[in-house]
C-alpha atoms as a PDB file:
ATOM      1  CA  MET A   1      13.602 -73.270 -54.492  1.00  0.00           C
ATOM      2  CA  GLU A   2      16.354 -73.679 -51.637  1.00  0.00           C
ATOM      3  CA  ASN A   3      16.936 -69.719 -52.181  1.00  0.00           C
ATOM      4  CA  ARG A   4      13.044 -69.339 -51.465  1.00  0.00           C
ATOM      5  CA  ILE A   5      12.794 -70.985 -48.717  1.00  0.00           C
ATOM      6  CA  GLY A   6      15.852 -69.242 -47.561  1.00  0.00           C
ATOM      7  CA  LYS A   7      14.378 -66.039 -47.830  1.00  0.00           C
ATOM      8  CA  SER A   8      10.763 -66.479 -46.635  1.00  0.00           C
ATOM      9  CA  TYR A   9      12.184 -68.074 -43.334  1.00  0.00           C
ATOM     10  CA  MET A  10      14.741 -65.356 -43.023  1.00  0.00           C
ATOM     11  CA  ALA A  11      11.269 -62.857 -43.538  1.00  0.00           C
ATOM     12  CA  ARG A  12       9.231 -64.253 -41.056  1.00  0.00           C
ATOM     13  CA  LYS A  13      11.813 -64.676 -38.600  1.00  0.00           C
ATOM     14  CA  ALA A  14      12.781 -60.451 -38.695  1.00  0.00           C
ATOM     15  CA  LEU A  15       8.882 -60.187 -38.973  1.00  0.00           C
ATOM     16  CA  PHE A  16       8.780 -62.155 -35.720  1.00  0.00           C
ATOM     17  CA  ALA A  17      11.796 -60.222 -33.759  1.00  0.00           C
ATOM     18  CA  LYS A  18      10.076 -56.924 -34.700  1.00  0.00           C
ATOM     19  CA  GLY A  19       6.573 -57.362 -34.030  1.00  0.00           C
ATOM     20  CA  LEU A  20       7.857 -59.139 -30.513  1.00  0.00           C
ATOM     21  CA  LYS A  21       9.669 -56.181 -29.864  1.00  0.00           C
ATOM     22  CA  GLU A  22       7.157 -53.215 -31.309  1.00  0.00           C
ATOM     23  CA  GLY A  23       4.616 -55.713 -30.212  1.00  0.00           C
ATOM     24  CA  ARG A  24       2.734 -54.544 -33.120  1.00  0.00           C
ATOM     25  CA  LEU A  25       3.065 -54.682 -37.791  1.00  0.00           C
ATOM     26  CA  THR A  26       1.200 -53.129 -39.839  1.00  0.00           C
ATOM     27  CA  VAL A  27      -0.193 -55.745 -43.133  1.00  0.00           C
ATOM     28  CA  GLN A  28       1.652 -53.481 -45.287  1.00  0.00           C
ATOM     29  CA  GLU A  29       5.129 -54.608 -43.546  1.00  0.00           C
ATOM     30  CA  ILE A  30       3.921 -57.971 -43.561  1.00  0.00           C
ATOM     31  CA  GLU A  31       2.696 -58.425 -47.604  1.00  0.00           C
ATOM     32  CA  GLU A  32       6.257 -55.686 -48.305  1.00  0.00           C
ATOM     33  CA  ALA A  33       8.127 -59.153 -46.278  1.00  0.00           C
ATOM     34  CA  LEU A  34       6.227 -61.644 -48.164  1.00  0.00           C
ATOM     35  CA  PRO A  35       4.529 -60.843 -51.376  1.00  0.00           C
ATOM     36  CA  ALA A  36       1.709 -62.956 -52.605  1.00  0.00           C
ATOM     37  CA  GLY A  37       3.279 -66.277 -54.070  1.00  0.00           C
ATOM     38  CA  THR A  38       5.796 -66.487 -51.526  1.00  0.00           C
ATOM     39  CA  LEU A  39       4.137 -68.074 -49.133  1.00  0.00           C
ATOM     40  CA  THR A  40       0.732 -71.292 -50.246  1.00  0.00           C
ATOM     41  CA  ALA A  41      -2.441 -69.795 -48.228  1.00  0.00           C
ATOM     42  CA  ALA A  42      -1.956 -72.254 -45.344  1.00  0.00           C
ATOM     43  CA  GLU A  43       1.244 -70.424 -44.445  1.00  0.00           C
ATOM     44  CA  ARG A  44       0.353 -67.058 -44.140  1.00  0.00           C
ATOM     45  CA  TRP A  45      -2.606 -67.878 -42.058  1.00  0.00           C
ATOM     46  CA  LEU A  46      -0.432 -69.587 -39.474  1.00  0.00           C
ATOM     47  CA  LEU A  47       2.448 -66.778 -39.995  1.00  0.00           C
ATOM     48  CA  TYR A  48      -0.662 -64.137 -39.199  1.00  0.00           C
ATOM     49  CA  TYR A  49      -2.417 -66.813 -36.837  1.00  0.00           C
ATOM     50  CA  SER A  50       0.864 -67.488 -34.806  1.00  0.00           C
ATOM     51  CA  LEU A  51       1.805 -63.406 -35.128  1.00  0.00           C
ATOM     52  CA  ARG A  52      -1.598 -62.766 -32.954  1.00  0.00           C
ATOM     53  CA  ALA A  53      -1.060 -65.412 -31.001  1.00  0.00           C
ATOM     54  CA  ALA A  54       2.299 -63.974 -29.517  1.00  0.00           C
ATOM     55  CA  GLN A  55       0.517 -61.026 -28.901  1.00  0.00           C
ATOM     56  CA  VAL A  56       1.603 -59.209 -31.850  1.00  0.00           C
ATOM     57  CA  GLU A  57      -1.095 -56.394 -33.683  1.00  0.00           C
ATOM     58  CA  ILE A  58      -1.620 -56.429 -36.852  1.00  0.00           C
ATOM     59  CA  ILE A  59      -2.835 -53.791 -38.317  1.00  0.00           C
ATOM     60  CA  ASP A  60      -4.082 -51.771 -41.308  1.00  0.00           C
ATOM     61  CA  GLU A  61      -2.099 -48.784 -42.160  1.00  0.00           C
ATOM     62  CA  VAL A  62      -4.484 -48.173 -44.460  1.00  0.00           C
ATOM     63  CA  THR A  63      -7.895 -47.804 -42.522  1.00  0.00           C
ATOM     64  CA  GLY A  64      -6.011 -48.423 -38.963  1.00  0.00           C
ATOM     65  CA  GLN A  65      -7.922 -51.463 -38.135  1.00  0.00           C
ATOM     66  CA  VAL A  66      -6.838 -54.144 -36.385  1.00  0.00           C
ATOM     67  CA  ASP A  67      -7.036 -57.773 -37.635  1.00  0.00           C
ATOM     68  CA  HIS A  68      -8.308 -59.842 -34.885  1.00  0.00           C
ATOM     69  CA  GLY A  69      -8.578 -62.662 -37.671  1.00  0.00           C
ATOM     70  CA  PHE A  70     -11.233 -64.929 -37.997  1.00  0.00           C
ATOM     71  CA  MET A  71     -11.645 -65.343 -34.421  1.00  0.00           C
ATOM     72  CA  ALA A  72     -13.333 -61.619 -33.935  1.00  0.00           C
ATOM     73  CA  GLU A  73     -16.671 -61.648 -32.136  1.00  0.00           C
ATOM     74  CA  SER A  74     -19.048 -60.592 -34.811  1.00  0.00           C
ATOM     75  CA  PRO A  75     -21.779 -58.165 -33.805  1.00  0.00           C
ATOM     76  CA  ALA A  76     -23.908 -60.923 -33.572  1.00  0.00           C
ATOM     77  CA  ALA A  77     -21.797 -63.049 -31.683  1.00  0.00           C
ATOM     78  CA  GLN A  78     -22.066 -59.758 -28.904  1.00  0.00           C
ATOM     79  CA  GLU A  79     -25.594 -60.142 -28.475  1.00  0.00           C
ATOM     80  CA  HIS A  80     -25.430 -63.512 -26.851  1.00  0.00           C
END
């Protein structure tokens, strides 16, 4: 268990360093560094939230879309 936590911590630390340096990460980079089962759903949500809060842009390499998370304005919210 300790080894899993250590690898996860180091992977998150490396992702943050790269994201802060470059200002962006791809969803694919994040998922490759921390594959399914590495983090709980809450830990994964917190990782994405923290990266966005640090002004790291998260981009889907396949679609080119920026992941703004749950707080992104929907078209309905923009009408008000």
